[in-house]
């Protein structure tokens, strides 16, 4: 928890499935 950096979820496209998803 001391070294954790907050992340924001963004929408990304997968190279493998060609589908969209979210990544921190």
PDBML (XML) file of the C-alpha atoms, coordinates in Angstrom:
<?xml version="1.0" encoding="UTF-8" ?>
<PDBx:datablock datablockName="MODEL"
   xmlns:PDBx="http://pdbml.pdb.org/schema/pdbx-v50.xsd"
   xmlns:xsi="http://www.w3.org/2001/XMLSchema-instance"
   xsi:schemaLocation="http://pdbml.pdb.org/schema/pdbx-v50.xsd pdbx-v50.xsd">
   <PDBx:atom_siteCategory>
      <PDBx:atom_site id="1">
         <PDBx:B_iso_or_equiv>0.00</PDBx:B_iso_or_equiv>
         <PDBx:Cartn_x>0.000</PDBx:Cartn_x>
         <PDBx:Cartn_y>0.000</PDBx:Cartn_y>
         <PDBx:Cartn_z>0.000</PDBx:Cartn_z>
         <PDBx:auth_asym_id>A</PDBx:auth_asym_id>
         <PDBx:auth_atom_id>CA</PDBx:auth_atom_id>
         <PDBx:auth_comp_id>UNK</PDBx:auth_comp_id>
         <PDBx:auth_seq_id>1</PDBx:auth_seq_id>
         <PDBx:group_PDB>ATOM</PDBx:group_PDB>
         <PDBx:label_alt_id xsi:nil="true" />
         <PDBx:label_asym_id>A</PDBx:label_asym_id>
         <PDBx:label_atom_id>CA</PDBx:label_atom_id>
         <PDBx:label_comp_id>UNK</PDBx:label_comp_id>
         <PDBx:label_entity_id>1</PDBx:label_entity_id>
         <PDBx:label_seq_id>1</PDBx:label_seq_id>
         <PDBx:occupancy>1.00</PDBx:occupancy>
         <PDBx:pdbx_PDB_model_num>1</PDBx:pdbx_PDB_model_num>
         <PDBx:type_symbol>C</PDBx:type_symbol>
      </PDBx:atom_site>
      <PDBx:atom_site id="2">
         <PDBx:B_iso_or_equiv>0.00</PDBx:B_iso_or_equiv>
         <PDBx:Cartn_x>2.947</PDBx:Cartn_x>
         <PDBx:Cartn_y>2.350</PDBx:Cartn_y>
         <PDBx:Cartn_z>0.571</PDBx:Cartn_z>
         <PDBx:auth_asym_id>A</PDBx:auth_asym_id>
         <PDBx:auth_atom_id>CA</PDBx:auth_atom_id>
         <PDBx:auth_comp_id>UNK</PDBx:auth_comp_id>
         <PDBx:auth_seq_id>2</PDBx:auth_seq_id>
         <PDBx:group_PDB>ATOM</PDBx:group_PDB>
         <PDBx:label_alt_id xsi:nil="true" />
         <PDBx:label_asym_id>A</PDBx:label_asym_id>
         <PDBx:label_atom_id>CA</PDBx:label_atom_id>
         <PDBx:label_comp_id>UNK</PDBx:label_comp_id>
         <PDBx:label_entity_id>1</PDBx:label_entity_id>
         <PDBx:label_seq_id>2</PDBx:label_seq_id>
         <PDBx:occupancy>1.00</PDBx:occupancy>
         <PDBx:pdbx_PDB_model_num>1</PDBx:pdbx_PDB_model_num>
         <PDBx:type_symbol>C</PDBx:type_symbol>
      </PDBx:atom_site>
      <PDBx:atom_site id="3">
         <PDBx:B_iso_or_equiv>0.00</PDBx:B_iso_or_equiv>
         <PDBx:Cartn_x>4.407</PDBx:Cartn_x>
         <PDBx:Cartn_y>1.772</PDBx:Cartn_y>
         <PDBx:Cartn_z>-2.899</PDBx:Cartn_z>
         <PDBx:auth_asym_id>A</PDBx:auth_asym_id>
         <PDBx:auth_atom_id>CA</PDBx:auth_atom_id>
         <PDBx:auth_comp_id>UNK</PDBx:auth_comp_id>
         <PDBx:auth_seq_id>3</PDBx:auth_seq_id>
         <PDBx:group_PDB>ATOM</PDBx:group_PDB>
         <PDBx:label_alt_id xsi:nil="true" />
         <PDBx:label_asym_id>A</PDBx:label_asym_id>
         <PDBx:label_atom_id>CA</PDBx:label_atom_id>
         <PDBx:label_comp_id>UNK</PDBx:label_comp_id>
         <PDBx:label_entity_id>1</PDBx:label_entity_id>
         <PDBx:label_seq_id>3</PDBx:label_seq_id>
         <PDBx:occupancy>1.00</PDBx:occupancy>
         <PDBx:pdbx_PDB_model_num>1</PDBx:pdbx_PDB_model_num>
         <PDBx:type_symbol>C</PDBx:type_symbol>
      </PDBx:atom_site>
      <PDBx:atom_site id="4">
         <PDBx:B_iso_or_equiv>0.00</PDBx:B_iso_or_equiv>
         <PDBx:Cartn_x>1.146</PDBx:Cartn_x>
         <PDBx:Cartn_y>1.359</PDBx:Cartn_y>
         <PDBx:Cartn_z>-4.786</PDBx:Cartn_z>
         <PDBx:auth_asym_id>A</PDBx:auth_asym_id>
         <PDBx:auth_atom_id>CA</PDBx:auth_atom_id>
         <PDBx:auth_comp_id>UNK</PDBx:auth_comp_id>
         <PDBx:auth_seq_id>4</PDBx:auth_seq_id>
         <PDBx:group_PDB>ATOM</PDBx:group_PDB>
         <PDBx:label_alt_id xsi:nil="true" />
         <PDBx:label_asym_id>A</PDBx:label_asym_id>
         <PDBx:label_atom_id>CA</PDBx:label_atom_id>
         <PDBx:label_comp_id>UNK</PDBx:label_comp_id>
         <PDBx:label_entity_id>1</PDBx:label_entity_id>
         <PDBx:label_seq_id>4</PDBx:label_seq_id>
         <PDBx:occupancy>1.00</PDBx:occupancy>
         <PDBx:pdbx_PDB_model_num>1</PDBx:pdbx_PDB_model_num>
         <PDBx:type_symbol>C</PDBx:type_symbol>
      </PDBx:atom_site>
      <PDBx:atom_site id="5">
         <PDBx:B_iso_or_equiv>0.00</PDBx:B_iso_or_equiv>
         <PDBx:Cartn_x>0.418</PDBx:Cartn_x>
         <PDBx:Cartn_y>3.829</PDBx:Cartn_y>
         <PDBx:Cartn_z>-7.572</PDBx:Cartn_z>
         <PDBx:auth_asym_id>A</PDBx:auth_asym_id>
         <PDBx:auth_atom_id>CA</PDBx:auth_atom_id>
         <PDBx:auth_comp_id>UNK</PDBx:auth_comp_id>
         <PDBx:auth_seq_id>5</PDBx:auth_seq_id>
         <PDBx:group_PDB>ATOM</PDBx:group_PDB>
         <PDBx:label_alt_id xsi:nil="true" />
         <PDBx:label_asym_id>A</PDBx:label_asym_id>
         <PDBx:label_atom_id>CA</PDBx:label_atom_id>
         <PDBx:label_comp_id>UNK</PDBx:label_comp_id>
         <PDBx:label_entity_id>1</PDBx:label_entity_id>
         <PDBx:label_seq_id>5</PDBx:label_seq_id>
         <PDBx:occupancy>1.00</PDBx:occupancy>
         <PDBx:pdbx_PDB_model_num>1</PDBx:pdbx_PDB_model_num>
         <PDBx:type_symbol>C</PDBx:type_symbol>
      </PDBx:atom_site>
      <PDBx:atom_site id="6">
         <PDBx:B_iso_or_equiv>0.00</PDBx:B_iso_or_equiv>
         <PDBx:Cartn_x>-3.184</PDBx:Cartn_x>
         <PDBx:Cartn_y>4.514</PDBx:Cartn_y>
         <PDBx:Cartn_z>-8.386</PDBx:Cartn_z>
         <PDBx:auth_asym_id>A</PDBx:auth_asym_id>
         <PDBx:auth_atom_id>CA</PDBx:auth_atom_id>
         <PDBx:auth_comp_id>UNK</PDBx:auth_comp_id>
         <PDBx:auth_seq_id>6</PDBx:auth_seq_id>
         <PDBx:group_PDB>ATOM</PDBx:group_PDB>
         <PDBx:label_alt_id xsi:nil="true" />
         <PDBx:label_asym_id>A</PDBx:label_asym_id>
         <PDBx:label_atom_id>CA</PDBx:label_atom_id>
         <PDBx:label_comp_id>UNK</PDBx:label_comp_id>
         <PDBx:label_entity_id>1</PDBx:label_entity_id>
         <PDBx:label_seq_id>6</PDBx:label_seq_id>
         <PDBx:occupancy>1.00</PDBx:occupancy>
         <PDBx:pdbx_PDB_model_num>1</PDBx:pdbx_PDB_model_num>
         <PDBx:type_symbol>C</PDBx:type_symbol>
      </PDBx:atom_site>
      <PDBx:atom_site id="7">
         <PDBx:B_iso_or_equiv>0.00</PDBx:B_iso_or_equiv>
         <PDBx:Cartn_x>-4.320</PDBx:Cartn_x>
         <PDBx:Cartn_y>3.479</PDBx:Cartn_y>
         <PDBx:Cartn_z>-11.822</PDBx:Cartn_z>
         <PDBx:auth_asym_id>A</PDBx:auth_asym_id>
         <PDBx:auth_atom_id>CA</PDBx:auth_atom_id>
         <PDBx:auth_comp_id>UNK</PDBx:auth_comp_id>
         <PDBx:auth_seq_id>7</PDBx:auth_seq_id>
         <PDBx:group_PDB>ATOM</PDBx:group_PDB>
         <PDBx:label_alt_id xsi:nil="true" />
         <PDBx:label_asym_id>A</PDBx:label_asym_id>
         <PDBx:label_atom_id>CA</PDBx:label_atom_id>
         <PDBx:label_comp_id>UNK</PDBx:label_comp_id>
         <PDBx:label_entity_id>1</PDBx:label_entity_id>
         <PDBx:label_seq_id>7</PDBx:label_seq_id>
         <PDBx:occupancy>1.00</PDBx:occupancy>
         <PDBx:pdbx_PDB_model_num>1</PDBx:pdbx_PDB_model_num>
         <PDBx:type_symbol>C</PDBx:type_symbol>
      </PDBx:atom_site>
      <PDBx:atom_site id="8">
         <PDBx:B_iso_or_equiv>0.00</PDBx:B_iso_or_equiv>
         <PDBx:Cartn_x>-7.059</PDBx:Cartn_x>
         <PDBx:Cartn_y>4.721</PDBx:Cartn_y>
         <PDBx:Cartn_z>-14.102</PDBx:Cartn_z>
         <PDBx:auth_asym_id>A</PDBx:auth_asym_id>
         <PDBx:auth_atom_id>CA</PDBx:auth_atom_id>
         <PDBx:auth_comp_id>UNK</PDBx:auth_comp_id>
         <PDBx:auth_seq_id>8</PDBx:auth_seq_id>
         <PDBx:group_PDB>ATOM</PDBx:group_PDB>
         <PDBx:label_alt_id xsi:nil="true" />
         <PDBx:label_asym_id>A</PDBx:label_asym_id>
         <PDBx:label_atom_id>CA</PDBx:label_atom_id>
         <PDBx:label_comp_id>UNK</PDBx:label_comp_id>
         <PDBx:label_entity_id>1</PDBx:label_entity_id>
         <PDBx:label_seq_id>8</PDBx:label_seq_id>
         <PDBx:occupancy>1.00</PDBx:occupancy>
         <PDBx:pdbx_PDB_model_num>1</PDBx:pdbx_PDB_model_num>
         <PDBx:type_symbol>C</PDBx:type_symbol>
      </PDBx:atom_site>
      <PDBx:atom_site id="9">
         <PDBx:B_iso_or_equiv>0.00</PDBx:B_iso_or_equiv>
         <PDBx:Cartn_x>-8.992</PDBx:Cartn_x>
         <PDBx:Cartn_y>2.281</PDBx:Cartn_y>
         <PDBx:Cartn_z>-16.258</PDBx:Cartn_z>
         <PDBx:auth_asym_id>A</PDBx:auth_asym_id>
         <PDBx:auth_atom_id>CA</PDBx:auth_atom_id>
         <PDBx:auth_comp_id>UNK</PDBx:auth_comp_id>
         <PDBx:auth_seq_id>9</PDBx:auth_seq_id>
         <PDBx:group_PDB>ATOM</PDBx:group_PDB>
         <PDBx:label_alt_id xsi:nil="true" />
         <PDBx:label_asym_id>A</PDBx:label_asym_id>
         <PDBx:label_atom_id>CA</PDBx:label_atom_id>
         <PDBx:label_comp_id>UNK</PDBx:label_comp_id>
         <PDBx:label_entity_id>1</PDBx:label_entity_id>
         <PDBx:label_seq_id>9</PDBx:label_seq_id>
         <PDBx:occupancy>1.00</PDBx:occupancy>
         <PDBx:pdbx_PDB_model_num>1</PDBx:pdbx_PDB_model_num>
         <PDBx:type_symbol>C</PDBx:type_symbol>
      </PDBx:atom_site>
      <PDBx:atom_site id="10">
         <PDBx:B_iso_or_equiv>0.00</PDBx:B_iso_or_equiv>
         <PDBx:Cartn_x>-8.763</PDBx:Cartn_x>
         <PDBx:Cartn_y>3.024</PDBx:Cartn_y>
         <PDBx:Cartn_z>-19.991</PDBx:Cartn_z>
         <PDBx:auth_asym_id>A</PDBx:auth_asym_id>
         <PDBx:auth_atom_id>CA</PDBx:auth_atom_id>
         <PDBx:auth_comp_id>UNK</PDBx:auth_comp_id>
         <PDBx:auth_seq_id>10</PDBx:auth_seq_id>
         <PDBx:group_PDB>ATOM</PDBx:group_PDB>
         <PDBx:label_alt_id xsi:nil="true" />
         <PDBx:label_asym_id>A</PDBx:label_asym_id>
         <PDBx:label_atom_id>CA</PDBx:label_atom_id>
         <PDBx:label_comp_id>UNK</PDBx:label_comp_id>
         <PDBx:label_entity_id>1</PDBx:label_entity_id>
         <PDBx:label_seq_id>10</PDBx:label_seq_id>
         <PDBx:occupancy>1.00</PDBx:occupancy>
         <PDBx:pdbx_PDB_model_num>1</PDBx:pdbx_PDB_model_num>
         <PDBx:type_symbol>C</PDBx:type_symbol>
      </PDBx:atom_site>
      <PDBx:atom_site id="11">
         <PDBx:B_iso_or_equiv>0.00</PDBx:B_iso_or_equiv>
         <PDBx:Cartn_x>-10.345</PDBx:Cartn_x>
         <PDBx:Cartn_y>1.225</PDBx:Cartn_y>
         <PDBx:Cartn_z>-22.920</PDBx:Cartn_z>
         <PDBx:auth_asym_id>A</PDBx:auth_asym_id>
         <PDBx:auth_atom_id>CA</PDBx:auth_atom_id>
         <PDBx:auth_comp_id>UNK</PDBx:auth_comp_id>
         <PDBx:auth_seq_id>11</PDBx:auth_seq_id>
         <PDBx:group_PDB>ATOM</PDBx:group_PDB>
         <PDBx:label_alt_id xsi:nil="true" />
         <PDBx:label_asym_id>A</PDBx:label_asym_id>
         <PDBx:label_atom_id>CA</PDBx:label_atom_id>
         <PDBx:label_comp_id>UNK</PDBx:label_comp_id>
         <PDBx:label_entity_id>1</PDBx:label_entity_id>
         <PDBx:label_seq_id>11</PDBx:label_seq_id>
         <PDBx:occupancy>1.00</PDBx:occupancy>
         <PDBx:pdbx_PDB_model_num>1</PDBx:pdbx_PDB_model_num>
         <PDBx:type_symbol>C</PDBx:type_symbol>
      </PDBx:atom_site>
      <PDBx:atom_site id="12">
         <PDBx:B_iso_or_equiv>0.00</PDBx:B_iso_or_equiv>
         <PDBx:Cartn_x>-7.843</PDBx:Cartn_x>
         <PDBx:Cartn_y>-0.756</PDBx:Cartn_y>
         <PDBx:Cartn_z>-25.006</PDBx:Cartn_z>
         <PDBx:auth_asym_id>A</PDBx:auth_asym_id>
         <PDBx:auth_atom_id>CA</PDBx:auth_atom_id>
         <PDBx:auth_comp_id>UNK</PDBx:auth_comp_id>
         <PDBx:auth_seq_id>12</PDBx:auth_seq_id>
         <PDBx:group_PDB>ATOM</PDBx:group_PDB>
         <PDBx:label_alt_id xsi:nil="true" />
         <PDBx:label_asym_id>A</PDBx:label_asym_id>
         <PDBx:label_atom_id>CA</PDBx:label_atom_id>
         <PDBx:label_comp_id>UNK</PDBx:label_comp_id>
         <PDBx:label_entity_id>1</PDBx:label_entity_id>
         <PDBx:label_seq_id>12</PDBx:label_seq_id>
         <PDBx:occupancy>1.00</PDBx:occupancy>
         <PDBx:pdbx_PDB_model_num>1</PDBx:pdbx_PDB_model_num>
         <PDBx:type_symbol>C</PDBx:type_symbol>
      </PDBx:atom_site>
      <PDBx:atom_site id="13">
         <PDBx:B_iso_or_equiv>0.00</PDBx:B_iso_or_equiv>
         <PDBx:Cartn_x>-8.063</PDBx:Cartn_x>
         <PDBx:Cartn_y>-3.034</PDBx:Cartn_y>
         <PDBx:Cartn_z>-28.045</PDBx:Cartn_z>
         <PDBx:auth_asym_id>A</PDBx:auth_asym_id>
         <PDBx:auth_atom_id>CA</PDBx:auth_atom_id>
         <PDBx:auth_comp_id>UNK</PDBx:auth_comp_id>
         <PDBx:auth_seq_id>13</PDBx:auth_seq_id>
         <PDBx:group_PDB>ATOM</PDBx:group_PDB>
         <PDBx:label_alt_id xsi:nil="true" />
         <PDBx:label_asym_id>A</PDBx:label_asym_id>
         <PDBx:label_atom_id>CA</PDBx:label_atom_id>
         <PDBx:label_comp_id>UNK</PDBx:label_comp_id>
         <PDBx:label_entity_id>1</PDBx:label_entity_id>
         <PDBx:label_seq_id>13</PDBx:label_seq_id>
         <PDBx:occupancy>1.00</PDBx:occupancy>
         <PDBx:pdbx_PDB_model_num>1</PDBx:pdbx_PDB_model_num>
         <PDBx:type_symbol>C</PDBx:type_symbol>
      </PDBx:atom_site>
      <PDBx:atom_site id="14">
         <PDBx:B_iso_or_equiv>0.00</PDBx:B_iso_or_equiv>
         <PDBx:Cartn_x>-6.563</PDBx:Cartn_x>
         <PDBx:Cartn_y>-6.515</PDBx:Cartn_y>
         <PDBx:Cartn_z>-27.810</PDBx:Cartn_z>
         <PDBx:auth_asym_id>A</PDBx:auth_asym_id>
         <PDBx:auth_atom_id>CA</PDBx:auth_atom_id>
         <PDBx:auth_comp_id>UNK</PDBx:auth_comp_id>
         <PDBx:auth_seq_id>14</PDBx:auth_seq_id>
         <PDBx:group_PDB>ATOM</PDBx:group_PDB>
         <PDBx:label_alt_id xsi:nil="true" />
         <PDBx:label_asym_id>A</PDBx:label_asym_id>
         <PDBx:label_atom_id>CA</PDBx:label_atom_id>
         <PDBx:label_comp_id>UNK</PDBx:label_comp_id>
         <PDBx:label_entity_id>1</PDBx:label_entity_id>
         <PDBx:label_seq_id>14</PDBx:label_seq_id>
         <PDBx:occupancy>1.00</PDBx:occupancy>
         <PDBx:pdbx_PDB_model_num>1</PDBx:pdbx_PDB_model_num>
         <PDBx:type_symbol>C</PDBx:type_symbol>
      </PDBx:atom_site>
      <PDBx:atom_site id="15">
         <PDBx:B_iso_or_equiv>0.00</PDBx:B_iso_or_equiv>
         <PDBx:Cartn_x>-4.075</PDBx:Cartn_x>
         <PDBx:Cartn_y>-7.597</PDBx:Cartn_y>
         <PDBx:Cartn_z>-30.484</PDBx:Cartn_z>
         <PDBx:auth_asym_id>A</PDBx:auth_asym_id>
         <PDBx:auth_atom_id>CA</PDBx:auth_atom_id>
         <PDBx:auth_comp_id>UNK</PDBx:auth_comp_id>
         <PDBx:auth_seq_id>15</PDBx:auth_seq_id>
         <PDBx:group_PDB>ATOM</PDBx:group_PDB>
         <PDBx:label_alt_id xsi:nil="true" />
         <PDBx:label_asym_id>A</PDBx:label_asym_id>
         <PDBx:label_atom_id>CA</PDBx:label_atom_id>
         <PDBx:label_comp_id>UNK</PDBx:label_comp_id>
         <PDBx:label_entity_id>1</PDBx:label_entity_id>
         <PDBx:label_seq_id>15</PDBx:label_seq_id>
         <PDBx:occupancy>1.00</PDBx:occupancy>
         <PDBx:pdbx_PDB_model_num>1</PDBx:pdbx_PDB_model_num>
         <PDBx:type_symbol>C</PDBx:type_symbol>
      </PDBx:atom_site>
      <PDBx:atom_site id="16">
         <PDBx:B_iso_or_equiv>0.00</PDBx:B_iso_or_equiv>
         <PDBx:Cartn_x>-5.090</PDBx:Cartn_x>
         <PDBx:Cartn_y>-11.215</PDBx:Cartn_y>
         <PDBx:Cartn_z>-29.968</PDBx:Cartn_z>
         <PDBx:auth_asym_id>A</PDBx:auth_asym_id>
         <PDBx:auth_atom_id>CA</PDBx:auth_atom_id>
         <PDBx:auth_comp_id>UNK</PDBx:auth_comp_id>
         <PDBx:auth_seq_id>16</PDBx:auth_seq_id>
         <PDBx:group_PDB>ATOM</PDBx:group_PDB>
         <PDBx:label_alt_id xsi:nil="true" />
         <PDBx:label_asym_id>A</PDBx:label_asym_id>
         <PDBx:label_atom_id>CA</PDBx:label_atom_id>
         <PDBx:label_comp_id>UNK</PDBx:label_comp_id>
         <PDBx:label_entity_id>1</PDBx:label_entity_id>
         <PDBx:label_seq_id>16</PDBx:label_seq_id>
         <PDBx:occupancy>1.00</PDBx:occupancy>
         <PDBx:pdbx_PDB_model_num>1</PDBx:pdbx_PDB_model_num>
         <PDBx:type_symbol>C</PDBx:type_symbol>
      </PDBx:atom_site>
      <PDBx:atom_site id="17">
         <PDBx:B_iso_or_equiv>0.00</PDBx:B_iso_or_equiv>
         <PDBx:Cartn_x>-8.896</PDBx:Cartn_x>
         <PDBx:Cartn_y>-11.138</PDBx:Cartn_y>
         <PDBx:Cartn_z>-29.939</PDBx:Cartn_z>
         <PDBx:auth_asym_id>A</PDBx:auth_asym_id>
         <PDBx:auth_atom_id>CA</PDBx:auth_atom_id>
         <PDBx:auth_comp_id>UNK</PDBx:auth_comp_id>
         <PDBx:auth_seq_id>17</PDBx:auth_seq_id>
         <PDBx:group_PDB>ATOM</PDBx:group_PDB>
         <PDBx:label_alt_id xsi:nil="true" />
         <PDBx:label_asym_id>A</PDBx:label_asym_id>
         <PDBx:label_atom_id>CA</PDBx:label_atom_id>
         <PDBx:label_comp_id>UNK</PDBx:label_comp_id>
         <PDBx:label_entity_id>1</PDBx:label_entity_id>
         <PDBx:label_seq_id>17</PDBx:label_seq_id>
         <PDBx:occupancy>1.00</PDBx:occupancy>
         <PDBx:pdbx_PDB_model_num>1</PDBx:pdbx_PDB_model_num>
         <PDBx:type_symbol>C</PDBx:type_symbol>
      </PDBx:atom_site>
      <PDBx:atom_site id="18">
         <PDBx:B_iso_or_equiv>0.00</PDBx:B_iso_or_equiv>
         <PDBx:Cartn_x>-9.481</PDBx:Cartn_x>
         <PDBx:Cartn_y>-7.819</PDBx:Cartn_y>
         <PDBx:Cartn_z>-31.760</PDBx:Cartn_z>
         <PDBx:auth_asym_id>A</PDBx:auth_asym_id>
         <PDBx:auth_atom_id>CA</PDBx:auth_atom_id>
         <PDBx:auth_comp_id>UNK</PDBx:auth_comp_id>
         <PDBx:auth_seq_id>18</PDBx:auth_seq_id>
         <PDBx:group_PDB>ATOM</PDBx:group_PDB>
         <PDBx:label_alt_id xsi:nil="true" />
         <PDBx:label_asym_id>A</PDBx:label_asym_id>
         <PDBx:label_atom_id>CA</PDBx:label_atom_id>
         <PDBx:label_comp_id>UNK</PDBx:label_comp_id>
         <PDBx:label_entity_id>1</PDBx:label_entity_id>
         <PDBx:label_seq_id>18</PDBx:label_seq_id>
         <PDBx:occupancy>1.00</PDBx:occupancy>
         <PDBx:pdbx_PDB_model_num>1</PDBx:pdbx_PDB_model_num>
         <PDBx:type_symbol>C</PDBx:type_symbol>
      </PDBx:atom_site>
      <PDBx:atom_site id="19">
         <PDBx:B_iso_or_equiv>0.00</PDBx:B_iso_or_equiv>
         <PDBx:Cartn_x>-11.982</PDBx:Cartn_x>
         <PDBx:Cartn_y>-7.063</PDBx:Cartn_y>
         <PDBx:Cartn_z>-29.006</PDBx:Cartn_z>
         <PDBx:auth_asym_id>A</PDBx:auth_asym_id>
         <PDBx:auth_atom_id>CA</PDBx:auth_atom_id>
         <PDBx:auth_comp_id>UNK</PDBx:auth_comp_id>
         <PDBx:auth_seq_id>19</PDBx:auth_seq_id>
         <PDBx:group_PDB>ATOM</PDBx:group_PDB>
         <PDBx:label_alt_id xsi:nil="true" />
         <PDBx:label_asym_id>A</PDBx:label_asym_id>
         <PDBx:label_atom_id>CA</PDBx:label_atom_id>
         <PDBx:label_comp_id>UNK</PDBx:label_comp_id>
         <PDBx:label_entity_id>1</PDBx:label_entity_id>
         <PDBx:label_seq_id>19</PDBx:label_seq_id>
         <PDBx:occupancy>1.00</PDBx:occupancy>
         <PDBx:pdbx_PDB_model_num>1</PDBx:pdbx_PDB_model_num>
         <PDBx:type_symbol>C</PDBx:type_symbol>
      </PDBx:atom_site>
      <PDBx:atom_site id="20">
         <PDBx:B_iso_or_equiv>0.00</PDBx:B_iso_or_equiv>
         <PDBx:Cartn_x>-12.103</PDBx:Cartn_x>
         <PDBx:Cartn_y>-4.110</PDBx:Cartn_y>
         <PDBx:Cartn_z>-26.645</PDBx:Cartn_z>
         <PDBx:auth_asym_id>A</PDBx:auth_asym_id>
         <PDBx:auth_atom_id>CA</PDBx:auth_atom_id>
         <PDBx:auth_comp_id>UNK</PDBx:auth_comp_id>
         <PDBx:auth_seq_id>20</PDBx:auth_seq_id>
         <PDBx:group_PDB>ATOM</PDBx:group_PDB>
         <PDBx:label_alt_id xsi:nil="true" />
         <PDBx:label_asym_id>A</PDBx:label_asym_id>
         <PDBx:label_atom_id>CA</PDBx:label_atom_id>
         <PDBx:label_comp_id>UNK</PDBx:label_comp_id>
         <PDBx:label_entity_id>1</PDBx:label_entity_id>
         <PDBx:label_seq_id>20</PDBx:label_seq_id>
         <PDBx:occupancy>1.00</PDBx:occupancy>
         <PDBx:pdbx_PDB_model_num>1</PDBx:pdbx_PDB_model_num>
         <PDBx:type_symbol>C</PDBx:type_symbol>
      </PDBx:atom_site>
      <PDBx:atom_site id="21">
         <PDBx:B_iso_or_equiv>0.00</PDBx:B_iso_or_equiv>
         <PDBx:Cartn_x>-11.496</PDBx:Cartn_x>
         <PDBx:Cartn_y>-4.282</PDBx:Cartn_y>
         <PDBx:Cartn_z>-22.901</PDBx:Cartn_z>
         <PDBx:auth_asym_id>A</PDBx:auth_asym_id>
         <PDBx:auth_atom_id>CA</PDBx:auth_atom_id>
         <PDBx:auth_comp_id>UNK</PDBx:auth_comp_id>
         <PDBx:auth_seq_id>21</PDBx:auth_seq_id>
         <PDBx:group_PDB>ATOM</PDBx:group_PDB>
         <PDBx:label_alt_id xsi:nil="true" />
         <PDBx:label_asym_id>A</PDBx:label_asym_id>
         <PDBx:label_atom_id>CA</PDBx:label_atom_id>
         <PDBx:label_comp_id>UNK</PDBx:label_comp_id>
         <PDBx:label_entity_id>1</PDBx:label_entity_id>
         <PDBx:label_seq_id>21</PDBx:label_seq_id>
         <PDBx:occupancy>1.00</PDBx:occupancy>
         <PDBx:pdbx_PDB_model_num>1</PDBx:pdbx_PDB_model_num>
         <PDBx:type_symbol>C</PDBx:type_symbol>
      </PDBx:atom_site>
      <PDBx:atom_site id="22">
         <PDBx:B_iso_or_equiv>0.00</PDBx:B_iso_or_equiv>
         <PDBx:Cartn_x>-10.203</PDBx:Cartn_x>
         <PDBx:Cartn_y>-2.222</PDBx:Cartn_y>
         <PDBx:Cartn_z>-19.988</PDBx:Cartn_z>
         <PDBx:auth_asym_id>A</PDBx:auth_asym_id>
         <PDBx:auth_atom_id>CA</PDBx:auth_atom_id>
         <PDBx:auth_comp_id>UNK</PDBx:auth_comp_id>
         <PDBx:auth_seq_id>22</PDBx:auth_seq_id>
         <PDBx:group_PDB>ATOM</PDBx:group_PDB>
         <PDBx:label_alt_id xsi:nil="true" />
         <PDBx:label_asym_id>A</PDBx:label_asym_id>
         <PDBx:label_atom_id>CA</PDBx:label_atom_id>
         <PDBx:label_comp_id>UNK</PDBx:label_comp_id>
         <PDBx:label_entity_id>1</PDBx:label_entity_id>
         <PDBx:label_seq_id>22</PDBx:label_seq_id>
         <PDBx:occupancy>1.00</PDBx:occupancy>
         <PDBx:pdbx_PDB_model_num>1</PDBx:pdbx_PDB_model_num>
         <PDBx:type_symbol>C</PDBx:type_symbol>
      </PDBx:atom_site>
      <PDBx:atom_site id="23">
         <PDBx:B_iso_or_equiv>0.00</PDBx:B_iso_or_equiv>
         <PDBx:Cartn_x>-6.716</PDBx:Cartn_x>
         <PDBx:Cartn_y>-2.007</PDBx:Cartn_y>
         <PDBx:Cartn_z>-18.542</PDBx:Cartn_z>
         <PDBx:auth_asym_id>A</PDBx:auth_asym_id>
         <PDBx:auth_atom_id>CA</PDBx:auth_atom_id>
         <PDBx:auth_comp_id>UNK</PDBx:auth_comp_id>
         <PDBx:auth_seq_id>23</PDBx:auth_seq_id>
         <PDBx:group_PDB>ATOM</PDBx:group_PDB>
         <PDBx:label_alt_id xsi:nil="true" />
         <PDBx:label_asym_id>A</PDBx:label_asym_id>
         <PDBx:label_atom_id>CA</PDBx:label_atom_id>
         <PDBx:label_comp_id>UNK</PDBx:label_comp_id>
         <PDBx:label_entity_id>1</PDBx:label_entity_id>
         <PDBx:label_seq_id>23</PDBx:label_seq_id>
         <PDBx:occupancy>1.00</PDBx:occupancy>
         <PDBx:pdbx_PDB_model_num>1</PDBx:pdbx_PDB_model_num>
         <PDBx:type_symbol>C</PDBx:type_symbol>
      </PDBx:atom_site>
      <PDBx:atom_site id="24">
         <PDBx:B_iso_or_equiv>0.00</PDBx:B_iso_or_equiv>
         <PDBx:Cartn_x>-5.245</PDBx:Cartn_x>
         <PDBx:Cartn_y>-0.130</PDBx:Cartn_y>
         <PDBx:Cartn_z>-15.582</PDBx:Cartn_z>
         <PDBx:auth_asym_id>A</PDBx:auth_asym_id>
         <PDBx:auth_atom_id>CA</PDBx:auth_atom_id>
         <PDBx:auth_comp_id>UNK</PDBx:auth_comp_id>
         <PDBx:auth_seq_id>24</PDBx:auth_seq_id>
         <PDBx:group_PDB>ATOM</PDBx:group_PDB>
         <PDBx:label_alt_id xsi:nil="true" />
         <PDBx:label_asym_id>A</PDBx:label_asym_id>
         <PDBx:label_atom_id>CA</PDBx:label_atom_id>
         <PDBx:label_comp_id>UNK</PDBx:label_comp_id>
         <PDBx:label_entity_id>1</PDBx:label_entity_id>
         <PDBx:label_seq_id>24</PDBx:label_seq_id>
         <PDBx:occupancy>1.00</PDBx:occupancy>
         <PDBx:pdbx_PDB_model_num>1</PDBx:pdbx_PDB_model_num>
         <PDBx:type_symbol>C</PDBx:type_symbol>
      </PDBx:atom_site>
   </PDBx:atom_siteCategory>
</PDBx:datablock>
